[in-house]
C-alpha atoms as a PDB file:
ATOM      1  CA  UNK A   1       9.708   3.274 155.877  1.00  0.00           C
ATOM      2  CA  UNK A   2      12.134   5.901 154.646  1.00  0.00           C
ATOM      3  CA  UNK A   3      11.409   7.163 151.156  1.00  0.00           C
ATOM      4  CA  UNK A   4      14.159   6.849 148.608  1.00  0.00           C
ATOM      5  CA  UNK A   5      15.323  10.034 147.028  1.00  0.00           C
ATOM      6  CA  UNK A   6      14.719  10.304 143.328  1.00  0.00           C
ATOM      7  CA  UNK A   7      17.935  10.454 141.298  1.00  0.00           C
ATOM      8  CA  UNK A   8      18.776  13.897 139.979  1.00  0.00           C
ATOM      9  CA  UNK A   9      18.098  14.272 136.280  1.00  0.00           C
ATOM     10  CA  UNK A  10      20.488  16.468 134.359  1.00  0.00           C
ATOM     11  CA  UNK A  11      18.571  18.049 131.533  1.00  0.00           C
ATOM     12  CA  UNK A  12      20.493  18.788 128.354  1.00  0.00           C
ATOM     13  CA  UNK A  13      19.363  19.854 124.913  1.00  0.00           C
ATOM     14  CA  UNK A  14      19.526  17.500 121.950  1.00  0.00           C
ATOM     15  CA  UNK A  15      22.277  19.695 120.494  1.00  0.00           C
ATOM     16  CA  UNK A  16      24.373  19.311 123.658  1.00  0.00           C
ATOM     17  CA  UNK A  17      23.906  15.534 123.591  1.00  0.00           C
ATOM     18  CA  UNK A  18      24.995  15.397 119.944  1.00  0.00           C
ATOM     19  CA  UNK A  19      28.047  17.566 120.722  1.00  0.00           C
ATOM     20  CA  UNK A  20      28.979  15.160 123.543  1.00  0.00           C
ATOM     21  CA  UNK A  21      28.695  12.117 121.257  1.00  0.00           C
ATOM     22  CA  UNK A  22      30.778  13.711 118.494  1.00  0.00           C
ATOM     23  CA  UNK A  23      33.482  14.856 120.915  1.00  0.00           C
ATOM     24  CA  UNK A  24      33.813  11.339 122.348  1.00  0.00           C
ATOM     25  CA  UNK A  25      34.010   9.809 118.875  1.00  0.00           C
ATOM     26  CA  UNK A  26      36.741  12.271 117.896  1.00  0.00           C
ATOM     27  CA  UNK A  27      38.743  11.863 121.104  1.00  0.00           C
ATOM     28  CA  UNK A  28      38.509   8.064 120.953  1.00  0.00           C
ATOM     29  CA  UNK A  29      39.779   8.044 117.364  1.00  0.00           C
ATOM     30  CA  UNK A  30      36.556   6.556 116.040  1.00  0.00           C
ATOM     31  CA  UNK A  31      36.373   9.610 113.781  1.00  0.00           C
ATOM     32  CA  UNK A  32      39.917  10.268 112.565  1.00  0.00           C
ATOM     33  CA  UNK A  33      41.731  13.471 111.486  1.00  0.00           C
ATOM     34  CA  UNK A  34      40.743  14.491 107.972  1.00  0.00           C
ATOM     35  CA  UNK A  35      37.670  12.255 108.044  1.00  0.00           C
ATOM     36  CA  UNK A  36      34.346  13.744 106.999  1.00  0.00           C
ATOM     37  CA  UNK A  37      31.453  14.134 109.399  1.00  0.00           C
ATOM     38  CA  UNK A  38      28.334  13.854 107.270  1.00  0.00           C
ATOM     39  CA  UNK A  39      25.214  15.466 108.682  1.00  0.00           C
ATOM     40  CA  UNK A  40      22.876  12.847 107.194  1.00  0.00           C
ATOM     41  CA  UNK A  41      24.952   9.963 108.585  1.00  0.00           C
ATOM     42  CA  UNK A  42      24.990  11.431 112.101  1.00  0.00           C
ATOM     43  CA  UNK A  43      21.259  12.064 111.900  1.00  0.00           C
ATOM     44  CA  UNK A  44      20.602   8.438 110.947  1.00  0.00           C
ATOM     45  CA  UNK A  45      23.016   7.045 113.545  1.00  0.00           C
ATOM     46  CA  UNK A  46      21.532   9.029 116.437  1.00  0.00           C
ATOM     47  CA  UNK A  47      17.950   9.071 115.147  1.00  0.00           C
ATOM     48  CA  UNK A  48      17.890  12.842 115.521  1.00  0.00           C
ATOM     49  CA  UNK A  49      16.593  15.436 113.062  1.00  0.00           C
ATOM     50  CA  UNK A  50      19.114  17.434 111.074  1.00  0.00           C
ATOM     51  CA  UNK A  51      18.449  20.735 112.869  1.00  0.00           C
ATOM     52  CA  UNK A  52      20.226  19.812 116.152  1.00  0.00           C
ATOM     53  CA  UNK A  53      22.948  17.989 114.160  1.00  0.00           C
ATOM     54  CA  UNK A  54      23.647  21.160 112.192  1.00  0.00           C
ATOM     55  CA  UNK A  55      23.761  23.207 115.402  1.00  0.00           C
ATOM     56  CA  UNK A  56      26.115  20.692 117.045  1.00  0.00           C
ATOM     57  CA  UNK A  57      28.469  20.718 114.051  1.00  0.00           C
ATOM     58  CA  UNK A  58      28.486  24.507 114.096  1.00  0.00           C
ATOM     59  CA  UNK A  59      29.389  24.479 117.781  1.00  0.00           C
ATOM     60  CA  UNK A  60      32.315  22.078 117.510  1.00  0.00           C
ATOM     61  CA  UNK A  61      33.516  23.981 114.437  1.00  0.00           C
ATOM     62  CA  UNK A  62      33.558  27.177 116.514  1.00  0.00           C
ATOM     63  CA  UNK A  63      35.430  25.267 119.226  1.00  0.00           C
ATOM     64  CA  UNK A  64      38.085  24.285 116.694  1.00  0.00           C
ATOM     65  CA  UNK A  65      37.542  20.521 116.660  1.00  0.00           C
ATOM     66  CA  UNK A  66      36.403  20.417 113.045  1.00  0.00           C
ATOM     67  CA  UNK A  67      36.774  22.663 110.044  1.00  0.00           C
ATOM     68  CA  UNK A  68      34.859  23.167 106.805  1.00  0.00           C
ATOM     69  CA  UNK A  69      36.666  22.306 103.591  1.00  0.00           C
ATOM     70  CA  UNK A  70      35.441  22.955 100.060  1.00  0.00           C
ATOM     71  CA  UNK A  71      34.128  19.841  98.280  1.00  0.00           C
ATOM     72  CA  UNK A  72      34.496  17.814 101.510  1.00  0.00           C
ATOM     73  CA  UNK A  73      32.306  19.501 104.097  1.00  0.00           C
ATOM     74  CA  UNK A  74      33.050  19.168 107.820  1.00  0.00           C
ATOM     75  CA  UNK A  75      36.242  17.276 108.626  1.00  0.00           C
ATOM     76  CA  UNK A  76      38.070  16.559 111.887  1.00  0.00           C
ATOM     77  CA  UNK A  77      40.823  19.087 112.350  1.00  0.00           C
ATOM     78  CA  UNK A  78      44.453  18.180 112.947  1.00  0.00           C
ATOM     79  CA  UNK A  79      46.522  21.117 114.150  1.00  0.00           C
ATOM     80  CA  UNK A  80      49.880  22.015 112.665  1.00  0.00           C
ATOM     81  CA  UNK A  81      52.800  23.272 114.744  1.00  0.00           C
ATOM     82  CA  UNK A  82      52.009  26.843 113.646  1.00  0.00           C
ATOM     83  CA  UNK A  83      48.301  26.513 114.522  1.00  0.00           C
ATOM     84  CA  UNK A  84      49.195  25.178 117.936  1.00  0.00           C
ATOM     85  CA  UNK A  85      51.843  27.823 118.573  1.00  0.00           C
ATOM     86  CA  UNK A  86      49.434  30.664 117.781  1.00  0.00           C
ATOM     87  CA  UNK A  87      46.638  29.112 119.812  1.00  0.00           C
ATOM     88  CA  UNK A  88      48.739  28.565 122.913  1.00  0.00           C
ATOM     89  CA  UNK A  89      50.477  31.929 122.696  1.00  0.00           C
ATOM     90  CA  UNK A  90      47.082  33.636 122.861  1.00  0.00           C
ATOM     91  CA  UNK A  91      45.658  31.264 125.452  1.00  0.00           C
ATOM     92  CA  UNK A  92      48.669  31.473 127.786  1.00  0.00           C
ATOM     93  CA  UNK A  93      48.779  35.276 127.475  1.00  0.00           C
ATOM     94  CA  UNK A  94      45.116  35.562 128.493  1.00  0.00           C
ATOM     95  CA  UNK A  95      45.640  33.121 131.358  1.00  0.00           C
ATOM     96  CA  UNK A  96      48.708  35.038 132.501  1.00  0.00           C
ATOM     97  CA  UNK A  97      46.683  38.263 132.471  1.00  0.00           C
ATOM     98  CA  UNK A  98      44.071  36.606 134.681  1.00  0.00           C
ATOM     99  CA  UNK A  99      46.800  35.569 137.139  1.00  0.00           C
ATOM    100  CA  UNK A 100      48.037  39.169 137.254  1.00  0.00           C
ATOM    101  CA  UNK A 101      44.535  40.460 137.995  1.00  0.00           C
ATOM    102  CA  UNK A 102      44.335  38.433 141.225  1.00  0.00           C
ATOM    103  CA  UNK A 103      48.072  38.785 141.914  1.00  0.00           C
ATOM    104  CA  UNK A 104      48.569  35.001 141.845  1.00  0.00           C
ATOM    105  CA  UNK A 105      46.653  34.701 145.105  1.00  0.00           C
ATOM    106  CA  UNK A 106      43.797  32.277 144.654  1.00  0.00           C
ATOM    107  CA  UNK A 107      40.893  31.739 146.989  1.00  0.00           C
ATOM    108  CA  UNK A 108      40.604  28.481 148.909  1.00  0.00           C
ATOM    109  CA  UNK A 109      37.711  27.503 146.636  1.00  0.00           C
ATOM    110  CA  UNK A 110      39.877  28.126 143.580  1.00  0.00           C
ATOM    111  CA  UNK A 111      42.763  26.089 144.986  1.00  0.00           C
ATOM    112  CA  UNK A 112      40.374  23.227 145.744  1.00  0.00           C
ATOM    113  CA  UNK A 113      39.079  23.290 142.152  1.00  0.00           C
ATOM    114  CA  UNK A 114      42.625  23.083 140.831  1.00  0.00           C
ATOM    115  CA  UNK A 115      43.544  20.191 143.117  1.00  0.00           C
ATOM    116  CA  UNK A 116      40.444  18.232 142.128  1.00  0.00           C
ATOM    117  CA  UNK A 117      41.275  18.784 138.455  1.00  0.00           C
ATOM    118  CA  UNK A 118      44.889  17.627 138.966  1.00  0.00           C
ATOM    119  CA  UNK A 119      43.711  14.486 140.748  1.00  0.00           C
ATOM    120  CA  UNK A 120      41.286  13.770 137.909  1.00  0.00           C
ATOM    121  CA  UNK A 121      44.007  14.346 135.303  1.00  0.00           C
ATOM    122  CA  UNK A 122      46.215  11.796 137.087  1.00  0.00           C
ATOM    123  CA  UNK A 123      43.414   9.230 137.137  1.00  0.00           C
ATOM    124  CA  UNK A 124      42.476   9.820 133.494  1.00  0.00           C
ATOM    125  CA  UNK A 125      46.126   9.698 132.381  1.00  0.00           C
ATOM    126  CA  UNK A 126      46.582   6.356 134.111  1.00  0.00           C
ATOM    127  CA  UNK A 127      43.629   5.017 132.138  1.00  0.00           C
ATOM    128  CA  UNK A 128      44.800   6.877 128.998  1.00  0.00           C
ATOM    129  CA  UNK A 129      41.288   8.277 128.638  1.00  0.00           C
ATOM    130  CA  UNK A 130      41.709  11.260 126.320  1.00  0.00           C
ATOM    131  CA  UNK A 131      38.157  12.535 126.771  1.00  0.00           C
ATOM    132  CA  UNK A 132      38.541  12.643 130.578  1.00  0.00           C
ATOM    133  CA  UNK A 133      42.032  14.163 130.331  1.00  0.00           C
ATOM    134  CA  UNK A 134      40.735  17.002 128.154  1.00  0.00           C
ATOM    135  CA  UNK A 135      37.753  17.601 130.445  1.00  0.00           C
ATOM    136  CA  UNK A 136      39.901  17.746 133.600  1.00  0.00           C
ATOM    137  CA  UNK A 137      42.575  19.877 131.922  1.00  0.00           C
ATOM    138  CA  UNK A 138      39.933  22.351 130.816  1.00  0.00           C
ATOM    139  CA  UNK A 139      38.552  22.536 134.373  1.00  0.00           C
ATOM    140  CA  UNK A 140      42.034  23.272 135.722  1.00  0.00           C
ATOM    141  CA  UNK A 141      42.714  26.178 133.380  1.00  0.00           C
ATOM    142  CA  UNK A 142      39.106  27.358 133.553  1.00  0.00           C
ATOM    143  CA  UNK A 143      39.501  27.822 137.317  1.00  0.00           C
ATOM    144  CA  UNK A 144      42.759  29.717 136.755  1.00  0.00           C
ATOM    145  CA  UNK A 145      41.015  32.265 134.531  1.00  0.00           C
ATOM    146  CA  UNK A 146      37.635  32.352 136.288  1.00  0.00           C
ATOM    147  CA  UNK A 147      39.347  33.427 139.537  1.00  0.00           C
ATOM    148  CA  UNK A 148      40.013  36.848 137.986  1.00  0.00           C
ATOM    149  CA  UNK A 149      36.287  37.595 137.871  1.00  0.00           C
ATOM    150  CA  UNK A 150      36.685  39.346 134.499  1.00  0.00           C
ATOM    151  CA  UNK A 151      33.833  38.190 132.263  1.00  0.00           C
ATOM    152  CA  UNK A 152      35.139  39.514 128.924  1.00  0.00           C
ATOM    153  CA  UNK A 153      38.575  38.011 129.527  1.00  0.00           C
ATOM    154  CA  UNK A 154      36.987  34.720 130.522  1.00  0.00           C
ATOM    155  CA  UNK A 155      34.821  34.589 127.383  1.00  0.00           C
ATOM    156  CA  UNK A 156      37.802  35.340 125.102  1.00  0.00           C
ATOM    157  CA  UNK A 157      39.807  32.581 126.767  1.00  0.00           C
ATOM    158  CA  UNK A 158      36.861  30.153 126.743  1.00  0.00           C
ATOM    159  CA  UNK A 159      36.400  30.528 122.972  1.00  0.00           C
ATOM    160  CA  UNK A 160      39.728  28.707 122.496  1.00  0.00           C
ATOM    161  CA  UNK A 161      38.666  25.630 124.464  1.00  0.00           C
ATOM    162  CA  UNK A 162      37.808  23.424 121.507  1.00  0.00           C
ATOM    163  CA  UNK A 163      41.116  24.130 119.834  1.00  0.00           C
ATOM    164  CA  UNK A 164      42.806  23.094 123.082  1.00  0.00           C
ATOM    165  CA  UNK A 165      40.963  19.783 122.792  1.00  0.00           C
ATOM    166  CA  UNK A 166      42.105  19.538 119.161  1.00  0.00           C
ATOM    167  CA  UNK A 167      45.672  19.975 120.409  1.00  0.00           C
ATOM    168  CA  UNK A 168      45.308  17.008 122.745  1.00  0.00           C
ATOM    169  CA  UNK A 169      43.870  14.993 119.896  1.00  0.00           C
ATOM    170  CA  UNK A 170      46.789  15.960 117.638  1.00  0.00           C
ATOM    171  CA  UNK A 171      49.230  14.797 120.322  1.00  0.00           C
ATOM    172  CA  UNK A 172      47.302  11.598 121.031  1.00  0.00           C
ATOM    173  CA  UNK A 173      50.014   9.058 120.297  1.00  0.00           C
ATOM    174  CA  UNK A 174      52.154   6.997 122.654  1.00  0.00           C
ATOM    175  CA  UNK A 175      55.171   8.856 121.270  1.00  0.00           C
ATOM    176  CA  UNK A 176      53.919  12.387 121.974  1.00  0.00           C
ATOM    177  CA  UNK A 177      51.385  12.274 124.794  1.00  0.00           C
ATOM    178  CA  UNK A 178      53.246  12.672 128.128  1.00  0.00           C
ATOM    179  CA  UNK A 179      50.800  10.595 130.177  1.00  0.00           C
ATOM    180  CA  UNK A 180      53.240  10.207 133.087  1.00  0.00           C
ATOM    181  CA  UNK A 181      53.805  13.958 133.369  1.00  0.00           C
ATOM    182  CA  UNK A 182      50.373  15.480 132.740  1.00  0.00           C
ATOM    183  CA  UNK A 183      49.380  15.634 136.412  1.00  0.00           C
ATOM    184  CA  UNK A 184      52.912  16.587 137.539  1.00  0.00           C
ATOM    185  CA  UNK A 185      53.017  19.542 135.145  1.00  0.00           C
ATOM    186  CA  UNK A 186      49.691  20.869 136.397  1.00  0.00           C
ATOM    187  CA  UNK A 187      50.591  20.208 140.034  1.00  0.00           C
ATOM    188  CA  UNK A 188      53.720  22.365 139.604  1.00  0.00           C
ATOM    189  CA  UNK A 189      51.600  25.429 138.769  1.00  0.00           C
ATOM    190  CA  UNK A 190      49.232  24.643 141.626  1.00  0.00           C
ATOM    191  CA  UNK A 191      52.107  24.339 144.114  1.00  0.00           C
ATOM    192  CA  UNK A 192      53.437  27.767 143.066  1.00  0.00           C
ATOM    193  CA  UNK A 193      50.014  29.247 143.808  1.00  0.00           C
ATOM    194  CA  UNK A 194      49.766  27.404 147.127  1.00  0.00           C
ATOM    195  CA  UNK A 195      53.087  28.731 148.402  1.00  0.00           C
ATOM    196  CA  UNK A 196      52.443  32.262 147.114  1.00  0.00           C
ATOM    197  CA  UNK A 197      55.478  32.182 144.817  1.00  0.00           C
ATOM    198  CA  UNK A 198      54.521  35.472 143.165  1.00  0.00           C
ATOM    199  CA  UNK A 199      52.979  36.686 139.930  1.00  0.00           C
ATOM    200  CA  UNK A 200      56.091  36.488 137.757  1.00  0.00           C
ATOM    201  CA  UNK A 201      56.862  32.858 138.632  1.00  0.00           C
ATOM    202  CA  UNK A 202      53.289  31.698 138.103  1.00  0.00           C
ATOM    203  CA  UNK A 203      52.902  33.548 134.790  1.00  0.00           C
ATOM    204  CA  UNK A 204      56.236  32.138 133.584  1.00  0.00           C
ATOM    205  CA  UNK A 205      55.171  28.626 134.608  1.00  0.00           C
ATOM    206  CA  UNK A 206      51.858  28.985 132.765  1.00  0.00           C
ATOM    207  CA  UNK A 207      53.642  30.145 129.601  1.00  0.00           C
ATOM    208  CA  UNK A 208      56.161  27.290 129.717  1.00  0.00           C
ATOM    209  CA  UNK A 209      53.353  24.827 130.456  1.00  0.00           C
ATOM    210  CA  UNK A 210      51.587  25.795 127.243  1.00  0.00           C
ATOM    211  CA  UNK A 211      54.493  26.351 124.864  1.00  0.00           C
ATOM    212  CA  UNK A 212      56.235  23.012 125.464  1.00  0.00           C
ATOM    213  CA  UNK A 213      53.410  21.325 123.530  1.00  0.00           C
ATOM    214  CA  UNK A 214      53.905  23.064 120.147  1.00  0.00           C
ATOM    215  CA  UNK A 215      57.670  22.705 120.596  1.00  0.00           C
ATOM    216  CA  UNK A 216      57.242  18.932 120.937  1.00  0.00           C
ATOM    217  CA  UNK A 217      55.107  18.798 117.788  1.00  0.00           C
ATOM    218  CA  UNK A 218      57.638  20.976 115.929  1.00  0.00           C
ATOM    219  CA  UNK A 219      60.444  18.551 116.764  1.00  0.00           C
ATOM    220  CA  UNK A 220      58.332  15.658 115.447  1.00  0.00           C
ATOM    221  CA  UNK A 221      57.443  17.510 112.217  1.00  0.00           C
ATOM    222  CA  UNK A 222      61.103  18.355 111.626  1.00  0.00           C
ATOM    223  CA  UNK A 223      62.229  14.771 112.176  1.00  0.00           C
ATOM    224  CA  UNK A 224      59.599  13.508 109.728  1.00  0.00           C
ATOM    225  CA  UNK A 225      60.616  16.020 107.022  1.00  0.00           C
ATOM    226  CA  UNK A 226      64.320  15.078 107.199  1.00  0.00           C
END
């Protein structure tokens, strides 16, 4: 009789598990913008000591998902148009630099990573699953930067990942989230890379891809103030 293979066990730390739970609660709207995340409450809910909870909160604060406010503690962050504009200007500039390093000519492995991410974005967008959209989006852009093989550049870019997730959360309304276009917009960049369209076109596409988001939020903020 053939022996069954034992299922692979993915080992994660308690901190990583807590981070995962908090991210999902934020992305699902269970914890809303401006709402406090109380260390003691999370500890009781997850039956985990406060040490890993504190570490997890510190991590998602560094990622930009939450912020610390006087007299309130840790609260879920909601980005303003200016926050988003600054974030994406820096992020798109770093990503464009990565593209220049490898002259917009990606390896087959890199192209395959991008295509898988686009396919996953399309599937997640159809289900309107924000957590899966953010995860797939991050994989897409991660592969764009990782291809350059420049560790310091990659780490600088990676440090903005949580704020990118906060941007998606800020835009998470039927009015603002372009579910029907998320995969199309990413596929456009991928197609430019596939057909070797050149550095300038890819860098321009990456910049436009990022900056349309804060522009959309700006239009909404202006309409609400009038």
